Amino acid sequence: MSKKKLDFSPNEFVVYPAHGVGKIIAVEKEEVAGFDLEMFVIVFEKDKMKLRVPTNKAIDVGMRALATPDVVSHAMKTLRGKAKVKKAMWSRRAQEYEQKINSGDLIAIAEVVRDLHRQDDQREQSYSERQLYEAALERLSREIAVVAGSEESAAVEEVTSVLVGRAA
């Protein structure tokens, strides 16, 4: 019987939907409830967090490889679009934004950044709007930075300049 090829391997960056970009540091065997399980050990440096994901469940939970440069440029194009502000109650919108952020889908995350971005002269943002905006901006920037092999701060500047530039 041949050994099944894993979809991901150590030293590879991956995106875990609920946490963003992490790096696989190992594949370990672990006994859980009498079963031998193979686990990806993923480190999220910025959050100082380590996650163990069963290798056979990685795809099911939405873990994916980093976005391709094409997807990144599509996300940047999304940022240039016009913000779509729904008339729904904030609690419902906030829930939708949260789902998009935790979907791990770079385009959906870019939509949240676009829709929640405020120019300085626009109305004040509530605390929860700001929190969601910053969470989405961080997820988007972190992945763009890793894909481009640049610093996260450079990616944040790039994203912000696109957002500011669309109004001009």
Protein backbone atom coordinates (compact mmCIF):
# COMPACT_ATOMS: atom_id res chain seq x y z
CA MET A 1 0.00 0.00 0.00
CA SER A 2 1.47 3.35 -0.96
CA LYS A 3 1.66 6.17 1.53
CA LYS A 4 -0.94 8.84 0.79
CA LYS A 5 0.61 12.10 -0.32
CA LEU A 6 -0.20 14.94 2.04
CA ASP A 7 -1.72 18.10 0.60
CA PHE A 8 0.64 20.24 2.68
CA SER A 9 4.16 19.81 3.98
CA PRO A 10 6.41 21.22 6.70
CA ASN A 11 7.84 24.73 6.20
CA GLU A 12 4.90 25.58 3.99
CA PHE A 13 2.65 28.58 4.73
CA VAL A 14 -1.05 27.76 4.79
CA VAL A 15 -4.25 29.64 5.51
CA TYR A 16 -6.46 28.30 8.28
CA PRO A 17 -9.89 29.97 7.97
CA ALA A 18 -10.38 31.06 11.57
CA HIS A 19 -6.78 32.18 12.16
CA GLY A 20 -5.28 33.33 8.85
CA VAL A 21 -1.73 32.60 7.71
CA GLY A 22 0.28 30.05 9.64
CA LYS A 23 3.32 27.90 8.95
CA ILE A 24 3.39 24.13 9.16
CA ILE A 25 6.37 23.28 11.35
CA ALA A 26 5.87 19.53 11.56
CA VAL A 27 3.74 16.50 10.85
CA GLU A 28 3.44 14.41 14.00
CA LYS A 29 1.78 11.17 14.96
CA GLU A 30 -0.42 11.39 18.02
CA GLU A 31 -2.62 8.88 19.80
CA VAL A 32 -6.09 10.26 20.43
CA ALA A 33 -8.76 8.08 22.05
CA GLY A 34 -6.87 4.94 21.06
CA PHE A 35 -6.46 5.97 17.43
CA ASP A 36 -3.18 6.95 15.80
CA LEU A 37 -3.68 10.30 14.12
CA GLU A 38 -1.32 12.20 11.89
CA MET A 39 -1.36 15.91 12.71
CA PHE A 40 -0.11 19.06 11.02
CA VAL A 41 1.47 21.30 13.63
CA ILE A 42 0.82 24.88 12.52
CA VAL A 43 2.33 27.94 14.16
CA PHE A 44 0.74 31.38 13.97
CA GLU A 45 3.72 33.53 14.96
CA LYS A 46 1.87 36.79 15.38
CA ASP A 47 -0.77 35.27 17.66
CA LYS A 48 1.83 33.15 19.47
CA MET A 49 -0.40 30.17 18.86
CA LYS A 50 0.15 26.55 17.86
CA LEU A 51 -2.59 24.49 16.27
CA ARG A 52 -2.75 20.77 15.58
CA VAL A 53 -4.93 19.73 12.66
CA PRO A 54 -5.49 16.08 11.71
CA THR A 55 -3.96 15.68 8.22
CA ASN A 56 -7.07 13.88 6.97
CA LYS A 57 -9.31 16.76 8.08
CA ALA A 58 -7.21 19.71 6.85
CA ILE A 59 -9.12 20.19 3.59
CA ASP A 60 -12.51 19.61 5.26
CA VAL A 61 -11.90 22.41 7.75
CA GLY A 62 -11.02 24.76 4.91
CA MET A 63 -7.24 24.85 5.29
CA ARG A 64 -5.72 25.98 2.01
CA ALA A 65 -2.47 26.91 0.34
CA LEU A 66 -1.56 30.59 0.10
CA ALA A 67 -3.38 32.59 -2.53
CA THR A 68 -1.80 32.71 -5.96
CA PRO A 69 -0.59 36.09 -7.26
CA ASP A 70 -3.72 36.09 -9.47
CA VAL A 71 -5.99 35.82 -6.46
CA VAL A 72 -4.01 38.56 -4.69
CA SER A 73 -4.42 40.91 -7.65
CA HIS A 74 -8.15 40.04 -7.76
CA ALA A 75 -8.34 40.97 -4.05
CA MET A 76 -6.58 44.27 -4.76
CA LYS A 77 -9.06 44.92 -7.59
CA THR A 78 -11.91 44.20 -5.14
CA LEU A 79 -10.50 46.91 -2.83
CA ARG A 80 -10.76 49.45 -5.67
CA GLY A 81 -14.47 48.75 -6.04
CA LYS A 82 -17.24 50.82 -4.55
CA ALA A 83 -18.10 49.95 -0.95
CA LYS A 84 -21.35 48.04 -0.70
CA VAL A 85 -23.18 49.10 2.41
CA LYS A 86 -26.31 47.11 3.09
CA LYS A 87 -29.22 48.64 4.93
CA ALA A 88 -29.53 45.63 7.26
CA MET A 89 -29.18 46.07 11.00
CA TRP A 90 -25.59 46.34 12.22
CA SER A 91 -25.77 43.07 14.17
CA ARG A 92 -26.67 41.17 10.99
CA ARG A 93 -24.00 42.98 8.94
CA ALA A 94 -21.40 42.39 11.64
CA GLN A 95 -22.24 38.69 11.59
CA GLU A 96 -21.81 38.59 7.80
CA TYR A 97 -18.47 40.42 8.01
CA GLU A 98 -17.29 38.02 10.72
CA GLN A 99 -18.24 35.04 8.55
CA LYS A 100 -16.36 36.49 5.59
CA ILE A 101 -13.26 37.13 7.70
CA ASN A 102 -13.33 33.59 9.10
CA SER A 103 -14.07 32.00 5.73
CA GLY A 104 -10.39 32.24 4.85
CA ASP A 105 -11.44 33.46 1.39
CA LEU A 106 -9.10 36.31 0.43
CA ILE A 107 -11.64 37.98 -1.86
CA ALA A 108 -14.36 37.91 0.83
CA ILE A 109 -11.88 39.39 3.32
CA ALA A 110 -10.99 42.13 0.81
CA GLU A 111 -14.72 42.93 0.50
CA VAL A 112 -14.91 43.46 4.28
CA VAL A 113 -11.86 45.74 4.21
CA ARG A 114 -13.36 47.70 1.29
CA ASP A 115 -16.82 47.99 2.87
CA LEU A 116 -15.61 49.03 6.32
CA HIS A 117 -12.82 51.39 5.27
CA ARG A 118 -13.46 55.01 6.23
CA GLN A 119 -11.86 58.12 4.87
CA ASP A 120 -10.91 60.62 7.54
CA ASP A 121 -13.76 62.94 6.61
CA GLN A 122 -16.43 60.24 6.78
CA ARG A 123 -18.68 59.51 9.73
CA GLU A 124 -17.21 57.96 12.83
CA GLN A 125 -16.78 54.23 13.01
CA SER A 126 -18.19 52.32 15.95
CA TYR A 127 -15.81 50.27 18.06
CA SER A 128 -17.11 46.99 16.64
CA GLU A 129 -16.82 48.27 13.04
CA ARG A 130 -13.24 49.27 13.73
CA GLN A 131 -12.46 45.86 15.28
CA LEU A 132 -13.84 44.01 12.26
CA TYR A 133 -12.04 46.34 9.85
CA GLU A 134 -8.71 45.84 11.62
CA ALA A 135 -9.16 42.06 11.80
CA ALA A 136 -9.92 41.91 8.07
CA LEU A 137 -7.08 44.30 7.20
CA GLU A 138 -4.62 42.20 9.20
CA ARG A 139 -5.73 38.91 7.57
CA LEU A 140 -5.56 40.41 4.10
CA SER A 141 -2.22 42.15 4.64
CA ARG A 142 -0.58 39.15 6.28
CA GLU A 143 -1.42 36.87 3.37
CA ILE A 144 -0.45 39.46 0.73
CA ALA A 145 2.87 39.96 2.55
CA VAL A 146 3.67 36.24 2.71
CA VAL A 147 2.72 35.72 -0.94
CA ALA A 148 4.89 38.68 -1.99
CA GLY A 149 7.69 37.78 0.41
CA SER A 150 7.49 41.26 1.93
CA GLU A 151 6.88 42.73 5.36
CA GLU A 152 3.33 42.93 6.66
CA SER A 153 3.70 46.68 7.20
CA ALA A 154 4.46 47.13 3.48
CA ALA A 155 1.34 45.15 2.59
CA VAL A 156 -0.77 47.28 4.96
CA GLU A 157 0.56 50.43 3.25
CA GLU A 158 -0.18 48.98 -0.18
CA VAL A 159 -3.76 48.07 0.80
CA THR A 160 -4.35 51.43 2.48
CA SER A 161 -3.04 53.39 -0.48
CA VAL A 162 -5.40 51.47 -2.80
CA LEU A 163 -8.33 52.26 -0.50
CA VAL A 164 -7.42 55.93 -0.21
CA GLY A 165 -6.70 56.16 -3.95
CA ARG A 166 -10.11 54.92 -5.02
CA ALA A 167 -11.82 58.01 -3.63
CA ALA A 168 -9.52 60.43 -5.42
